[in-house]
Amino acid sequence: MADICATLVPSNDKIYKHFQALSEIYLIGKEKFCFPKNGPKVAKQFQDFKVREDDVGVLTFPKSGTTWMEEIAYLLINDLDFDKANSTIRDMVVPYADLDVWEIGLPPKSLMEIAANLPSPRCFKLHMNLSLLPPDFATKAKIIYVCRNVKDVIISYYYFSSAMLFSQFEGSIEEFADLFMENKVPYAPHIAHVREVWERRHEKNIYFTSYEELKENQEKVIAEVAQFLNKTLSKDQIKMVADHCKFDNMKTNPATNKGYLEKSKGVIKDYKFMRKGTVGNSKTEMSPELIEKIDKWIVENTKDCPDLRNYLL
C-alpha cells in the first residue's frame, strides 16, 4: 500500500503567493510530492482503482511529452484507426485520470470515474508519481514513461501554469525555476518522479523513453512502443503514425491540440497548449546564470545516478 500520509503546507508559504488559484497544497508520501487541494483524496481513491491487464498508462511529469506519446499509444491500441483518431477529442477517450487533484470541479463525474468506466483496452494519461498509483499498476498494466530535459520542462510548465485558470501562476520564469528546484510546484519533486520509474525501467511492463529520443528518432520509438504493446507494424505503418504525430500536424488537429480549453475559458491569457515542440529552448528563454544554477542542481541531485542525469541535463 502506498504511503499517502499528507501534510498541509502552511498558508504563509511563498508557493501560495505565486500559485494564486491554489487554496491548499499538500505534501504526500515519503518523497513529499506536492499536490493541490484534492491530491490526498485522489491518491486515496487510486488505491482502490481496479487495474486491468490490457490497461496502458502514459505517465509523465507535466510538460514532458504526454500529448505526443498518448497519441502514439492511442493509435497503436486502436489499430491505426486514423478516422476515429481525427474525429474524437483525445481527452474524451484518453482521460487525464488524476486531473481532479486540481480545484476544478468537473461535474457530474470525476476523471478517475470516467477512466474506470472506459471499455477495454483502456488508455489514460497520468502525472501522479508511480509510488502513489495502484499497487499493481506496474505489474498488471503497461506503463509508458516519458522524461524530458529539466530546463525545457521548467520553461513549458512555466507558460502552462501562468495561463491555466486552475493554477494562475504569478511571477517570473526565474521565480518559477526556484520553486521548481525547491519542489514547490505541483507534482514535484521532479527528479524523484522520474527516478521512481527509471529504477524500474527494466521491468517487462514498463517502457522508458525521453522527449529528446522522440524528437531525434520518432520512428524508432514508435516501433519500440508497438513492440512493447504487442503490436506488429510495417515500415509504412510506422511512417503513417509518425506523420500523424508530427508536432505541426497535431498542433492543427482539433482532436489533439486541446483548443477546447480556450473555448471553455480554461485559460486566463492567450495561450496555445502545443507551443513549440522543440528541444533546447533554454538559451533563448533563460539567462546563462539561471541555466548554470539549474544544471548544478541537477548534478547535485543525481550524484548517485549519472546515467539518469544524462536524460535531464
C-alpha atoms as a PDB file:
ATOM      1  CA  MET A   1       0.000   0.000   0.000  1.00  0.00           C
ATOM      2  CA  ALA A   2       1.296   3.442  -0.938  1.00  0.00           C
ATOM      3  CA  ASP A   3       2.331   5.937   1.712  1.00  0.00           C
ATOM      4  CA  ILE A   4      -0.344   8.605   1.328  1.00  0.00           C
ATOM      5  CA  CYS A   5       0.280  10.470   4.562  1.00  0.00           C
ATOM      6  CA  ALA A   6      -0.353  14.120   3.677  1.00  0.00           C
ATOM      7  CA  THR A   7       0.958  17.304   5.291  1.00  0.00           C
ATOM      8  CA  LEU A   8      -0.670  20.674   4.637  1.00  0.00           C
ATOM      9  CA  VAL A   9       1.743  23.388   3.518  1.00  0.00           C
ATOM     10  CA  PRO A  10       1.341  26.425   5.841  1.00  0.00           C
ATOM     11  CA  SER A  11      -0.660  29.308   4.400  1.00  0.00           C
ATOM     12  CA  ASN A  12       2.281  31.716   4.734  1.00  0.00           C
ATOM     13  CA  ASP A  13       4.470  29.661   2.367  1.00  0.00           C
ATOM     14  CA  LYS A  14       5.511  31.579  -0.751  1.00  0.00           C
ATOM     15  CA  ILE A  15       4.016  28.926  -3.019  1.00  0.00           C
ATOM     16  CA  TYR A  16       0.558  30.402  -2.367  1.00  0.00           C
ATOM     17  CA  LYS A  17       1.740  33.844  -3.423  1.00  0.00           C
ATOM     18  CA  HIS A  18       2.699  32.503  -6.836  1.00  0.00           C
ATOM     19  CA  PHE A  19       0.055  29.828  -7.471  1.00  0.00           C
ATOM     20  CA  GLN A  20      -2.897  32.067  -6.789  1.00  0.00           C
ATOM     21  CA  ALA A  21      -5.618  29.562  -7.702  1.00  0.00           C
ATOM     22  CA  LEU A  22      -4.458  27.007  -5.135  1.00  0.00           C
ATOM     23  CA  SER A  23      -6.215  27.350  -1.790  1.00  0.00           C
ATOM     24  CA  GLU A  24      -4.467  24.383  -0.171  1.00  0.00           C
ATOM     25  CA  ILE A  25      -1.286  22.484  -1.035  1.00  0.00           C
ATOM     26  CA  TYR A  26      -0.232  19.144   0.407  1.00  0.00           C
ATOM     27  CA  LEU A  27       2.990  17.158   0.556  1.00  0.00           C
ATOM     28  CA  ILE A  28       2.285  13.443   0.184  1.00  0.00           C
ATOM     29  CA  GLY A  29       4.324  10.343   0.916  1.00  0.00           C
ATOM     30  CA  LYS A  30       7.957   9.684   1.692  1.00  0.00           C
ATOM     31  CA  GLU A  31       9.255  11.967  -1.075  1.00  0.00           C
ATOM     32  CA  LYS A  32       6.786  14.739  -0.120  1.00  0.00           C
ATOM     33  CA  PHE A  33       5.225  15.056  -3.555  1.00  0.00           C
ATOM     34  CA  CYS A  34       3.499  18.409  -3.941  1.00  0.00           C
ATOM     35  CA  PHE A  35      -0.207  18.419  -4.805  1.00  0.00           C
ATOM     36  CA  PRO A  36      -3.106  20.877  -4.928  1.00  0.00           C
ATOM     37  CA  LYS A  37      -6.009  20.605  -2.503  1.00  0.00           C
ATOM     38  CA  ASN A  38      -7.562  17.406  -3.843  1.00  0.00           C
ATOM     39  CA  GLY A  39      -4.288  15.477  -4.094  1.00  0.00           C
ATOM     40  CA  PRO A  40      -4.718  13.408  -0.900  1.00  0.00           C
ATOM     41  CA  LYS A  41      -8.270  12.460  -1.870  1.00  0.00           C
ATOM     42  CA  VAL A  42      -7.254  11.375  -5.372  1.00  0.00           C
ATOM     43  CA  ALA A  43      -4.231   9.447  -4.060  1.00  0.00           C
ATOM     44  CA  LYS A  44      -6.512   7.505  -1.705  1.00  0.00           C
ATOM     45  CA  GLN A  45      -9.021   6.839  -4.486  1.00  0.00           C
ATOM     46  CA  PHE A  46      -6.257   5.434  -6.658  1.00  0.00           C
ATOM     47  CA  GLN A  47      -5.569   2.724  -4.090  1.00  0.00           C
ATOM     48  CA  ASP A  48      -8.982   1.230  -4.940  1.00  0.00           C
ATOM     49  CA  PHE A  49      -8.725   1.726  -8.708  1.00  0.00           C
ATOM     50  CA  LYS A  50      -9.275  -1.605 -10.466  1.00  0.00           C
ATOM     51  CA  VAL A  51      -6.412  -2.181 -12.888  1.00  0.00           C
ATOM     52  CA  ARG A  52      -6.970  -4.341 -15.969  1.00  0.00           C
ATOM     53  CA  GLU A  53      -4.297  -6.395 -17.676  1.00  0.00           C
ATOM     54  CA  ASP A  54      -4.809  -4.603 -21.000  1.00  0.00           C
ATOM     55  CA  ASP A  55      -4.592  -1.093 -19.497  1.00  0.00           C
ATOM     56  CA  VAL A  56      -1.992   1.304 -20.867  1.00  0.00           C
ATOM     57  CA  GLY A  57      -0.929   4.318 -18.836  1.00  0.00           C
ATOM     58  CA  VAL A  58       1.104   7.160 -20.320  1.00  0.00           C
ATOM     59  CA  LEU A  59       2.904   8.512 -17.263  1.00  0.00           C
ATOM     60  CA  THR A  60       4.945  11.718 -17.240  1.00  0.00           C
ATOM     61  CA  PHE A  61       5.866  14.687 -15.133  1.00  0.00           C
ATOM     62  CA  PRO A  62       3.815  17.606 -16.557  1.00  0.00           C
ATOM     63  CA  LYS A  63       5.028  19.128 -19.837  1.00  0.00           C
ATOM     64  CA  SER A  64       7.313  16.241 -20.735  1.00  0.00           C
ATOM     65  CA  GLY A  65       5.671  14.940 -23.905  1.00  0.00           C
ATOM     66  CA  THR A  66       2.412  13.492 -22.597  1.00  0.00           C
ATOM     67  CA  THR A  67       0.231  14.603 -25.504  1.00  0.00           C
ATOM     68  CA  TRP A  68       2.739  13.345 -28.055  1.00  0.00           C
ATOM     69  CA  MET A  69       3.101   9.894 -26.521  1.00  0.00           C
ATOM     70  CA  GLU A  70      -0.577   9.452 -25.741  1.00  0.00           C
ATOM     71  CA  GLU A  71      -1.360   9.955 -29.429  1.00  0.00           C
ATOM     72  CA  ILE A  72       1.127   7.269 -30.430  1.00  0.00           C
ATOM     73  CA  ALA A  73      -0.269   4.878 -27.816  1.00  0.00           C
ATOM     74  CA  TYR A  74      -3.881   5.655 -28.752  1.00  0.00           C
ATOM     75  CA  LEU A  75      -3.265   4.903 -32.431  1.00  0.00           C
ATOM     76  CA  LEU A  76      -1.491   1.645 -31.654  1.00  0.00           C
ATOM     77  CA  ILE A  77      -4.148   0.455 -29.218  1.00  0.00           C
ATOM     78  CA  ASN A  78      -6.869   1.254 -31.773  1.00  0.00           C
ATOM     79  CA  ASP A  79      -5.105  -0.490 -34.666  1.00  0.00           C
ATOM     80  CA  LEU A  80      -4.277   2.739 -36.523  1.00  0.00           C
ATOM     81  CA  ASP A  81      -7.886   3.881 -36.891  1.00  0.00           C
ATOM     82  CA  PHE A  82      -6.980   7.359 -38.182  1.00  0.00           C
ATOM     83  CA  ASP A  83     -10.591   8.280 -38.961  1.00  0.00           C
ATOM     84  CA  LYS A  84     -11.560   7.656 -35.354  1.00  0.00           C
ATOM     85  CA  ALA A  85      -8.457   9.450 -34.133  1.00  0.00           C
ATOM     86  CA  ASN A  86      -9.225  12.565 -36.175  1.00  0.00           C
ATOM     87  CA  SER A  87     -12.878  12.739 -35.167  1.00  0.00           C
ATOM     88  CA  THR A  88     -12.578  12.271 -31.402  1.00  0.00           C
ATOM     89  CA  ILE A  89     -11.280  14.815 -28.897  1.00  0.00           C
ATOM     90  CA  ARG A  90      -8.427  12.900 -27.351  1.00  0.00           C
ATOM     91  CA  ASP A  91      -9.087  13.924 -23.768  1.00  0.00           C
ATOM     92  CA  MET A  92     -12.527  12.321 -24.025  1.00  0.00           C
ATOM     93  CA  VAL A  93     -11.100   8.865 -24.763  1.00  0.00           C
ATOM     94  CA  VAL A  94      -7.662   9.161 -23.139  1.00  0.00           C
ATOM     95  CA  PRO A  95      -8.604  10.933 -19.906  1.00  0.00           C
ATOM     96  CA  TYR A  96      -6.152  12.704 -17.629  1.00  0.00           C
ATOM     97  CA  ALA A  97      -7.019  10.321 -14.811  1.00  0.00           C
ATOM     98  CA  ASP A  98      -5.660  12.424 -11.936  1.00  0.00           C
ATOM     99  CA  LEU A  99      -6.910  15.797 -13.198  1.00  0.00           C
ATOM    100  CA  ASP A 100      -9.143  16.010 -10.138  1.00  0.00           C
ATOM    101  CA  VAL A 101      -6.144  16.880  -7.948  1.00  0.00           C
ATOM    102  CA  TRP A 102      -6.716  20.431  -9.175  1.00  0.00           C
ATOM    103  CA  GLU A 103      -9.564  22.552  -7.810  1.00  0.00           C
ATOM    104  CA  ILE A 104     -11.589  22.476 -10.988  1.00  0.00           C
ATOM    105  CA  GLY A 105     -14.866  20.803 -10.122  1.00  0.00           C
ATOM    106  CA  LEU A 106     -15.867  18.753 -13.146  1.00  0.00           C
ATOM    107  CA  PRO A 107     -19.463  17.579 -12.711  1.00  0.00           C
ATOM    108  CA  PRO A 108     -21.014  15.122 -12.782  1.00  0.00           C
ATOM    109  CA  LYS A 109     -18.217  12.534 -12.790  1.00  0.00           C
ATOM    110  CA  SER A 110     -14.598  12.623 -11.736  1.00  0.00           C
ATOM    111  CA  LEU A 111     -11.979  11.915 -14.383  1.00  0.00           C
ATOM    112  CA  MET A 112     -10.976   8.814 -12.444  1.00  0.00           C
ATOM    113  CA  GLU A 113     -14.548   7.550 -12.635  1.00  0.00           C
ATOM    114  CA  ILE A 114     -14.604   8.214 -16.368  1.00  0.00           C
ATOM    115  CA  ALA A 115     -11.323   6.326 -16.734  1.00  0.00           C
ATOM    116  CA  ALA A 116     -12.681   3.441 -14.662  1.00  0.00           C
ATOM    117  CA  ASN A 117     -15.704   3.054 -16.937  1.00  0.00           C
ATOM    118  CA  LEU A 118     -13.878   3.114 -20.264  1.00  0.00           C
ATOM    119  CA  PRO A 119     -14.166  -0.051 -22.361  1.00  0.00           C
ATOM    120  CA  SER A 120     -11.083  -2.203 -22.749  1.00  0.00           C
ATOM    121  CA  PRO A 121      -8.416  -1.710 -23.832  1.00  0.00           C
ATOM    122  CA  ARG A 122      -8.163   1.499 -21.818  1.00  0.00           C
ATOM    123  CA  CYS A 123      -5.545   4.182 -22.284  1.00  0.00           C
ATOM    124  CA  PHE A 124      -5.138   7.100 -19.928  1.00  0.00           C
ATOM    125  CA  LYS A 125      -2.545   9.694 -19.069  1.00  0.00           C
ATOM    126  CA  LEU A 126      -1.229  10.314 -15.590  1.00  0.00           C
ATOM    127  CA  HIS A 127       1.044  12.808 -13.877  1.00  0.00           C
ATOM    128  CA  MET A 128       0.725  11.340 -10.395  1.00  0.00           C
ATOM    129  CA  ASN A 129       4.000   9.660  -9.465  1.00  0.00           C
ATOM    130  CA  LEU A 130       4.325   5.891  -9.704  1.00  0.00           C
ATOM    131  CA  SER A 131       4.502   5.228  -5.955  1.00  0.00           C
ATOM    132  CA  LEU A 132       1.040   6.765  -5.445  1.00  0.00           C
ATOM    133  CA  LEU A 133      -0.640   4.772  -8.214  1.00  0.00           C
ATOM    134  CA  PRO A 134      -2.484   1.486  -7.565  1.00  0.00           C
ATOM    135  CA  PRO A 135      -0.056  -1.075  -6.110  1.00  0.00           C
ATOM    136  CA  ASP A 136      -0.475  -3.455  -9.061  1.00  0.00           C
ATOM    137  CA  PHE A 137      -0.339  -0.823 -11.788  1.00  0.00           C
ATOM    138  CA  ALA A 138       3.245  -1.514 -12.858  1.00  0.00           C
ATOM    139  CA  THR A 139       2.872  -5.285 -12.657  1.00  0.00           C
ATOM    140  CA  LYS A 140      -0.560  -5.740 -14.217  1.00  0.00           C
ATOM    141  CA  ALA A 141      -0.940  -2.851 -16.683  1.00  0.00           C
ATOM    142  CA  LYS A 142       1.645  -1.378 -19.046  1.00  0.00           C
ATOM    143  CA  ILE A 143       3.317   1.941 -18.328  1.00  0.00           C
ATOM    144  CA  ILE A 144       4.906   4.192 -20.937  1.00  0.00           C
ATOM    145  CA  TYR A 145       7.049   6.837 -19.250  1.00  0.00           C
ATOM    146  CA  VAL A 146       8.474   9.918 -20.973  1.00  0.00           C
ATOM    147  CA  CYS A 147      11.055  12.170 -19.327  1.00  0.00           C
ATOM    148  CA  ARG A 148      12.457  15.439 -20.679  1.00  0.00           C
ATOM    149  CA  ASN A 149      15.359  17.850 -20.258  1.00  0.00           C
ATOM    150  CA  VAL A 150      14.685  19.670 -16.990  1.00  0.00           C
ATOM    151  CA  LYS A 151      15.191  23.175 -18.380  1.00  0.00           C
ATOM    152  CA  ASP A 152      12.682  22.542 -21.175  1.00  0.00           C
ATOM    153  CA  VAL A 153      10.221  21.150 -18.627  1.00  0.00           C
ATOM    154  CA  ILE A 154      10.576  24.282 -16.496  1.00  0.00           C
ATOM    155  CA  ILE A 155      10.029  26.596 -19.461  1.00  0.00           C
ATOM    156  CA  SER A 156       6.968  24.757 -20.732  1.00  0.00           C
ATOM    157  CA  TYR A 157       5.495  24.270 -17.245  1.00  0.00           C
ATOM    158  CA  TYR A 158       6.013  27.967 -16.501  1.00  0.00           C
ATOM    159  CA  TYR A 159       3.986  29.093 -19.517  1.00  0.00           C
ATOM    160  CA  PHE A 160       1.327  26.467 -18.834  1.00  0.00           C
ATOM    161  CA  SER A 161       0.973  27.354 -15.148  1.00  0.00           C
ATOM    162  CA  SER A 162       0.808  31.059 -15.947  1.00  0.00           C
ATOM    163  CA  ALA A 163      -2.031  30.535 -18.407  1.00  0.00           C
ATOM    164  CA  MET A 164      -4.276  27.956 -16.782  1.00  0.00           C
ATOM    165  CA  LEU A 165      -7.238  29.067 -14.707  1.00  0.00           C
ATOM    166  CA  PHE A 166      -6.736  26.246 -12.202  1.00  0.00           C
ATOM    167  CA  SER A 167      -3.169  27.301 -11.335  1.00  0.00           C
ATOM    168  CA  GLN A 168      -2.781  31.044 -12.124  1.00  0.00           C
ATOM    169  CA  PHE A 169       0.948  31.302 -11.552  1.00  0.00           C
ATOM    170  CA  GLU A 170       2.131  34.870 -10.999  1.00  0.00           C
ATOM    171  CA  GLY A 171       5.838  35.558 -11.267  1.00  0.00           C
ATOM    172  CA  SER A 172       8.901  35.397 -13.486  1.00  0.00           C
ATOM    173  CA  ILE A 173      10.468  32.320 -15.015  1.00  0.00           C
ATOM    174  CA  GLU A 174      13.327  32.752 -12.524  1.00  0.00           C
ATOM    175  CA  GLU A 175      10.860  32.582  -9.641  1.00  0.00           C
ATOM    176  CA  PHE A 176       9.170  29.543 -11.172  1.00  0.00           C
ATOM    177  CA  ALA A 177      12.526  27.800 -11.618  1.00  0.00           C
ATOM    178  CA  ASP A 178      13.418  28.474  -7.979  1.00  0.00           C
ATOM    179  CA  LEU A 179      10.119  26.973  -6.822  1.00  0.00           C
ATOM    180  CA  PHE A 180      10.693  24.010  -9.132  1.00  0.00           C
ATOM    181  CA  MET A 181      14.106  23.338  -7.587  1.00  0.00           C
ATOM    182  CA  GLU A 182      12.619  23.740  -4.099  1.00  0.00           C
ATOM    183  CA  ASN A 183       9.992  21.102  -5.009  1.00  0.00           C
ATOM    184  CA  LYS A 184       7.235  23.686  -4.665  1.00  0.00           C
ATOM    185  CA  VAL A 185       5.327  23.210  -7.906  1.00  0.00           C
ATOM    186  CA  PRO A 186       2.519  20.663  -8.376  1.00  0.00           C
ATOM    187  CA  TYR A 187       3.792  17.096  -8.872  1.00  0.00           C
ATOM    188  CA  ALA A 188       7.341  17.947  -7.708  1.00  0.00           C
ATOM    189  CA  PRO A 189       9.927  16.726  -6.805  1.00  0.00           C
ATOM    190  CA  HIS A 190      10.678  16.245 -10.476  1.00  0.00           C
ATOM    191  CA  ILE A 191      13.807  14.119 -10.179  1.00  0.00           C
ATOM    192  CA  ALA A 192      12.142  11.745  -7.708  1.00  0.00           C
ATOM    193  CA  HIS A 193       9.171  11.461 -10.093  1.00  0.00           C
ATOM    194  CA  VAL A 194      11.454  10.369 -12.934  1.00  0.00           C
ATOM    195  CA  ARG A 195      13.678   8.248 -10.752  1.00  0.00           C
ATOM    196  CA  GLU A 196      10.839   6.100  -9.407  1.00  0.00           C
ATOM    197  CA  VAL A 197      10.277   4.787 -12.924  1.00  0.00           C
ATOM    198  CA  TRP A 198      13.913   4.918 -14.052  1.00  0.00           C
ATOM    199  CA  GLU A 199      14.897   2.466 -11.322  1.00  0.00           C
ATOM    200  CA  ARG A 200      12.253   0.015 -12.589  1.00  0.00           C
ATOM    201  CA  ARG A 201      12.772   0.613 -16.306  1.00  0.00           C
ATOM    202  CA  HIS A 202      13.945  -2.956 -16.964  1.00  0.00           C
ATOM    203  CA  GLU A 203      10.682  -4.471 -15.743  1.00  0.00           C
ATOM    204  CA  LYS A 204       8.642  -6.055 -18.529  1.00  0.00           C
ATOM    205  CA  ASN A 205       5.589  -3.820 -18.038  1.00  0.00           C
ATOM    206  CA  ILE A 206       7.498  -0.526 -18.140  1.00  0.00           C
ATOM    207  CA  TYR A 207       8.789   1.316 -21.202  1.00  0.00           C
ATOM    208  CA  PHE A 208      11.011   4.332 -20.501  1.00  0.00           C
ATOM    209  CA  THR A 209      11.956   6.922 -23.118  1.00  0.00           C
ATOM    210  CA  SER A 210      12.579  10.645 -23.450  1.00  0.00           C
ATOM    211  CA  TYR A 211      11.192  13.624 -25.314  1.00  0.00           C
ATOM    212  CA  GLU A 212      14.591  14.048 -26.912  1.00  0.00           C
ATOM    213  CA  GLU A 213      14.618  10.470 -28.213  1.00  0.00           C
ATOM    214  CA  LEU A 214      11.168  11.020 -29.688  1.00  0.00           C
ATOM    215  CA  LYS A 215      12.393  14.168 -31.370  1.00  0.00           C
ATOM    216  CA  GLU A 216      15.587  12.596 -32.690  1.00  0.00           C
ATOM    217  CA  ASN A 217      14.171   9.312 -33.948  1.00  0.00           C
ATOM    218  CA  GLN A 218      10.403   9.181 -33.706  1.00  0.00           C
ATOM    219  CA  GLU A 219      10.002   6.141 -35.957  1.00  0.00           C
ATOM    220  CA  LYS A 220      12.395   4.109 -33.799  1.00  0.00           C
ATOM    221  CA  VAL A 221      10.445   4.984 -30.650  1.00  0.00           C
ATOM    222  CA  ILE A 222       7.129   4.190 -32.354  1.00  0.00           C
ATOM    223  CA  ALA A 223       8.477   0.771 -33.344  1.00  0.00           C
ATOM    224  CA  GLU A 224       9.631   0.139 -29.767  1.00  0.00           C
ATOM    225  CA  VAL A 225       6.291   1.201 -28.289  1.00  0.00           C
ATOM    226  CA  ALA A 226       4.474  -1.025 -30.789  1.00  0.00           C
ATOM    227  CA  GLN A 227       6.600  -3.985 -29.747  1.00  0.00           C
ATOM    228  CA  PHE A 228       6.018  -3.128 -26.081  1.00  0.00           C
ATOM    229  CA  LEU A 229       2.247  -3.180 -26.723  1.00  0.00           C
ATOM    230  CA  ASN A 230       2.483  -6.399 -28.734  1.00  0.00           C
ATOM    231  CA  LYS A 231       1.510  -4.687 -31.984  1.00  0.00           C
ATOM    232  CA  THR A 232       3.085  -5.576 -35.317  1.00  0.00           C
ATOM    233  CA  LEU A 233       3.595  -2.660 -37.718  1.00  0.00           C
ATOM    234  CA  SER A 234       5.100  -2.496 -41.183  1.00  0.00           C
ATOM    235  CA  LYS A 235       7.614   0.218 -42.029  1.00  0.00           C
ATOM    236  CA  ASP A 236       4.905   2.050 -43.962  1.00  0.00           C
ATOM    237  CA  GLN A 237       2.546   1.918 -40.988  1.00  0.00           C
ATOM    238  CA  ILE A 238       5.261   3.270 -38.697  1.00  0.00           C
ATOM    239  CA  LYS A 239       5.756   6.163 -41.115  1.00  0.00           C
ATOM    240  CA  MET A 240       1.995   6.805 -41.135  1.00  0.00           C
ATOM    241  CA  VAL A 241       1.926   7.030 -37.339  1.00  0.00           C
ATOM    242  CA  ALA A 242       4.989   9.285 -37.353  1.00  0.00           C
ATOM    243  CA  ASP A 243       3.414  11.620 -39.906  1.00  0.00           C
ATOM    244  CA  HIS A 244       0.142  11.807 -37.973  1.00  0.00           C
ATOM    245  CA  CYS A 245       2.088  12.571 -34.788  1.00  0.00           C
ATOM    246  CA  LYS A 246       4.309  15.297 -36.198  1.00  0.00           C
ATOM    247  CA  PHE A 247       4.110  18.346 -33.946  1.00  0.00           C
ATOM    248  CA  ASP A 248       2.787  20.667 -36.656  1.00  0.00           C
ATOM    249  CA  ASN A 249       0.094  18.166 -37.636  1.00  0.00           C
ATOM    250  CA  MET A 250      -1.041  17.643 -34.054  1.00  0.00           C
ATOM    251  CA  LYS A 251      -0.982  21.390 -33.381  1.00  0.00           C
ATOM    252  CA  THR A 252      -3.505  21.996 -36.172  1.00  0.00           C
ATOM    253  CA  ASN A 253      -5.622  18.918 -35.414  1.00  0.00           C
ATOM    254  CA  PRO A 254      -8.670  19.803 -33.240  1.00  0.00           C
ATOM    255  CA  ALA A 255      -8.669  16.251 -31.888  1.00  0.00           C
ATOM    256  CA  THR A 256      -5.235  16.699 -30.321  1.00  0.00           C
ATOM    257  CA  ASN A 257      -4.440  20.411 -29.896  1.00  0.00           C
ATOM    258  CA  LYS A 258      -6.716  20.975 -26.870  1.00  0.00           C
ATOM    259  CA  GLY A 259      -8.244  24.047 -28.450  1.00  0.00           C
ATOM    260  CA  TYR A 260     -11.384  23.359 -26.451  1.00  0.00           C
ATOM    261  CA  LEU A 261      -9.568  24.676 -23.371  1.00  0.00           C
ATOM    262  CA  GLU A 262      -9.564  28.148 -24.874  1.00  0.00           C
ATOM    263  CA  LYS A 263     -13.221  27.904 -25.864  1.00  0.00           C
ATOM    264  CA  SER A 264     -14.194  26.701 -22.394  1.00  0.00           C
ATOM    265  CA  LYS A 265     -12.342  29.636 -20.838  1.00  0.00           C
ATOM    266  CA  GLY A 266      -9.943  27.313 -19.076  1.00  0.00           C
ATOM    267  CA  VAL A 267      -7.119  29.746 -19.786  1.00  0.00           C
ATOM    268  CA  ILE A 268      -6.661  33.269 -18.461  1.00  0.00           C
ATOM    269  CA  LYS A 269      -4.462  34.631 -21.232  1.00  0.00           C
ATOM    270  CA  ASP A 270      -3.578  33.976 -24.843  1.00  0.00           C
ATOM    271  CA  TYR A 271      -2.019  30.523 -24.756  1.00  0.00           C
ATOM    272  CA  LYS A 272      -1.589  27.581 -27.090  1.00  0.00           C
ATOM    273  CA  PHE A 273      -1.329  24.225 -25.325  1.00  0.00           C
ATOM    274  CA  MET A 274       1.035  22.993 -28.009  1.00  0.00           C
ATOM    275  CA  ARG A 275       3.580  25.806 -28.126  1.00  0.00           C
ATOM    276  CA  LYS A 276       6.826  24.908 -29.907  1.00  0.00           C
ATOM    277  CA  GLY A 277       7.571  21.215 -29.632  1.00  0.00           C
ATOM    278  CA  THR A 278      11.300  21.861 -29.758  1.00  0.00           C
ATOM    279  CA  VAL A 279      14.385  20.816 -27.805  1.00  0.00           C
ATOM    280  CA  GLY A 280      16.873  23.126 -26.104  1.00  0.00           C
ATOM    281  CA  ASN A 281      14.825  26.298 -25.581  1.00  0.00           C
ATOM    282  CA  SER A 282      16.791  27.423 -22.538  1.00  0.00           C
ATOM    283  CA  LYS A 283      19.318  29.545 -24.446  1.00  0.00           C
ATOM    284  CA  THR A 284      16.567  31.866 -25.670  1.00  0.00           C
ATOM    285  CA  GLU A 285      14.283  31.682 -22.623  1.00  0.00           C
ATOM    286  CA  MET A 286      16.741  31.690 -19.704  1.00  0.00           C
ATOM    287  CA  SER A 287      19.740  33.706 -18.611  1.00  0.00           C
ATOM    288  CA  PRO A 288      23.156  31.977 -18.537  1.00  0.00           C
ATOM    289  CA  GLU A 289      23.117  32.343 -14.754  1.00  0.00           C
ATOM    290  CA  LEU A 290      19.786  30.523 -14.441  1.00  0.00           C
ATOM    291  CA  ILE A 291      20.917  27.757 -16.794  1.00  0.00           C
ATOM    292  CA  GLU A 292      24.050  27.242 -14.708  1.00  0.00           C
ATOM    293  CA  LYS A 293      22.022  27.217 -11.495  1.00  0.00           C
ATOM    294  CA  ILE A 294      19.631  24.550 -12.794  1.00  0.00           C
ATOM    295  CA  ASP A 295      22.430  22.392 -14.173  1.00  0.00           C
ATOM    296  CA  LYS A 296      24.239  22.482 -10.827  1.00  0.00           C
ATOM    297  CA  TRP A 297      21.000  21.492  -9.098  1.00  0.00           C
ATOM    298  CA  ILE A 298      20.570  18.518 -11.440  1.00  0.00           C
ATOM    299  CA  VAL A 299      24.147  17.348 -10.879  1.00  0.00           C
ATOM    300  CA  GLU A 300      23.808  17.713  -7.107  1.00  0.00           C
ATOM    301  CA  ASN A 301      20.617  15.647  -7.065  1.00  0.00           C
ATOM    302  CA  THR A 302      21.849  12.864  -9.346  1.00  0.00           C
ATOM    303  CA  LYS A 303      25.282  12.192  -7.859  1.00  0.00           C
ATOM    304  CA  ASP A 304      24.464   8.538  -7.347  1.00  0.00           C
ATOM    305  CA  CYS A 305      22.695   8.154 -10.690  1.00  0.00           C
ATOM    306  CA  PRO A 306      24.819   9.660 -13.510  1.00  0.00           C
ATOM    307  CA  ASP A 307      23.043   7.655 -16.218  1.00  0.00           C
ATOM    308  CA  LEU A 308      19.747   9.305 -15.320  1.00  0.00           C
ATOM    309  CA  ARG A 309      21.472  12.696 -15.255  1.00  0.00           C
ATOM    310  CA  ASN A 310      22.167  12.396 -18.973  1.00  0.00           C
ATOM    311  CA  TYR A 311      18.419  12.468 -19.634  1.00  0.00           C
ATOM    312  CA  LEU A 312      17.858  15.558 -17.508  1.00  0.00           C
ATOM    313  CA  LEU A 313      20.697  17.930 -18.451  1.00  0.00           C
END
